[in-house]
Amino acid sequence: MFKDRLKELRLEKSLKQEDLAKELGVSRGALAKWENGSRETNFAMLVKIAEFFDVTTDYLLGRTDC
């Protein structure tokens, strides 16, 4: 669920992977792995992503739909 929500949010803001990776301070490769589900992020980065997109961590993890 996280991978899908992350990609959805990125595309809603019309950001390329490179742009979002730069905003988060990670490599584009790391972001790509999160989006394809081959790797998971840590808690601190999950919080940073939630703050960037102004959503909850529960939303990112698929626990809520709002």
C-alpha atoms as a PDB file:
ATOM      1  CA  MET A   1       0.000   0.000   0.000  1.00  0.00           C
ATOM      2  CA  PHE A   2       2.817   2.454   0.873  1.00  0.00           C
ATOM      3  CA  LYS A   3       4.383   2.112  -2.560  1.00  0.00           C
ATOM      4  CA  ASP A   4       1.097   2.914  -4.292  1.00  0.00           C
ATOM      5  CA  ARG A   5       0.269   5.872  -2.076  1.00  0.00           C
ATOM      6  CA  LEU A   6       3.756   7.322  -2.413  1.00  0.00           C
ATOM      7  CA  LYS A   7       3.623   7.187  -6.199  1.00  0.00           C
ATOM      8  CA  GLU A   8       0.068   8.583  -6.291  1.00  0.00           C
ATOM      9  CA  LEU A   9       1.019  11.533  -4.119  1.00  0.00           C
ATOM     10  CA  ARG A  10       4.145  12.236  -6.153  1.00  0.00           C
ATOM     11  CA  LEU A  11       2.221  12.188  -9.425  1.00  0.00           C
ATOM     12  CA  GLU A  12      -0.576  14.377  -7.994  1.00  0.00           C
ATOM     13  CA  LYS A  13       2.067  17.046  -7.370  1.00  0.00           C
ATOM     14  CA  SER A  14       3.546  16.481 -10.844  1.00  0.00           C
ATOM     15  CA  LEU A  15       6.934  15.627  -9.372  1.00  0.00           C
ATOM     16  CA  LYS A  16       9.516  13.434 -11.053  1.00  0.00           C
ATOM     17  CA  GLN A  17      11.257  10.839  -8.897  1.00  0.00           C
ATOM     18  CA  GLU A  18      14.414  12.954  -9.068  1.00  0.00           C
ATOM     19  CA  ASP A  19      12.583  16.014  -7.750  1.00  0.00           C
ATOM     20  CA  LEU A  20      10.983  14.231  -4.807  1.00  0.00           C
ATOM     21  CA  ALA A  21      14.211  12.428  -3.970  1.00  0.00           C
ATOM     22  CA  LYS A  22      15.989  15.782  -3.821  1.00  0.00           C
ATOM     23  CA  GLU A  23      13.287  17.236  -1.535  1.00  0.00           C
ATOM     24  CA  LEU A  24      13.608  14.250   0.812  1.00  0.00           C
ATOM     25  CA  GLY A  25      17.414  14.113   0.707  1.00  0.00           C
ATOM     26  CA  VAL A  26      17.635  10.592  -0.736  1.00  0.00           C
ATOM     27  CA  SER A  27      18.795   9.133  -4.029  1.00  0.00           C
ATOM     28  CA  ARG A  28      16.412   8.632  -6.929  1.00  0.00           C
ATOM     29  CA  GLY A  29      17.264   4.932  -6.748  1.00  0.00           C
ATOM     30  CA  ALA A  30      16.093   4.707  -3.141  1.00  0.00           C
ATOM     31  CA  LEU A  31      12.823   6.412  -4.019  1.00  0.00           C
ATOM     32  CA  ALA A  32      12.332   4.101  -7.012  1.00  0.00           C
ATOM     33  CA  LYS A  33      12.778   1.061  -4.750  1.00  0.00           C
ATOM     34  CA  TRP A  34      10.162   2.398  -2.340  1.00  0.00           C
ATOM     35  CA  GLU A  35       7.753   2.945  -5.213  1.00  0.00           C
ATOM     36  CA  ASN A  36       8.248  -0.513  -6.710  1.00  0.00           C
ATOM     37  CA  GLY A  37       8.041  -2.189  -3.302  1.00  0.00           C
ATOM     38  CA  SER A  38      11.478  -3.772  -3.333  1.00  0.00           C
ATOM     39  CA  ARG A  39      12.539  -1.751  -0.299  1.00  0.00           C
ATOM     40  CA  GLU A  40      10.861  -0.130   2.685  1.00  0.00           C
ATOM     41  CA  THR A  41      11.683   3.188   4.273  1.00  0.00           C
ATOM     42  CA  ASN A  42      12.488   3.774   7.929  1.00  0.00           C
ATOM     43  CA  PHE A  43      10.172   5.471  10.410  1.00  0.00           C
ATOM     44  CA  ALA A  44      11.923   8.850  10.327  1.00  0.00           C
ATOM     45  CA  MET A  45      11.647   9.029   6.535  1.00  0.00           C
ATOM     46  CA  LEU A  46       8.020   7.894   6.665  1.00  0.00           C
ATOM     47  CA  VAL A  47       7.273  10.861   8.914  1.00  0.00           C
ATOM     48  CA  LYS A  48       9.217  13.198   6.597  1.00  0.00           C
ATOM     49  CA  ILE A  49       7.243  11.968   3.579  1.00  0.00           C
ATOM     50  CA  ALA A  50       3.940  12.398   5.447  1.00  0.00           C
ATOM     51  CA  GLU A  51       4.882  15.952   6.411  1.00  0.00           C
ATOM     52  CA  PHE A  52       5.967  16.811   2.874  1.00  0.00           C
ATOM     53  CA  PHE A  53       2.655  15.663   1.399  1.00  0.00           C
ATOM     54  CA  ASP A  54       0.608  16.870   4.400  1.00  0.00           C
ATOM     55  CA  VAL A  55      -0.910  13.437   5.035  1.00  0.00           C
ATOM     56  CA  THR A  56      -0.786  11.081   8.006  1.00  0.00           C
ATOM     57  CA  THR A  57       1.529   8.120   8.310  1.00  0.00           C
ATOM     58  CA  ASP A  58      -1.606   5.995   8.652  1.00  0.00           C
ATOM     59  CA  TYR A  59      -2.679   7.169   5.205  1.00  0.00           C
ATOM     60  CA  LEU A  60       0.722   6.317   3.719  1.00  0.00           C
ATOM     61  CA  LEU A  61       0.562   2.854   5.260  1.00  0.00           C
ATOM     62  CA  GLY A  62      -2.981   2.234   4.059  1.00  0.00           C
ATOM     63  CA  ARG A  63      -4.580   2.211   7.485  1.00  0.00           C
ATOM     64  CA  THR A  64      -6.931   5.070   6.565  1.00  0.00           C
ATOM     65  CA  ASP A  65      -8.254   6.509   3.321  1.00  0.00           C
ATOM     66  CA  CYS A  66      -8.100  10.158   4.299  1.00  0.00           C
END
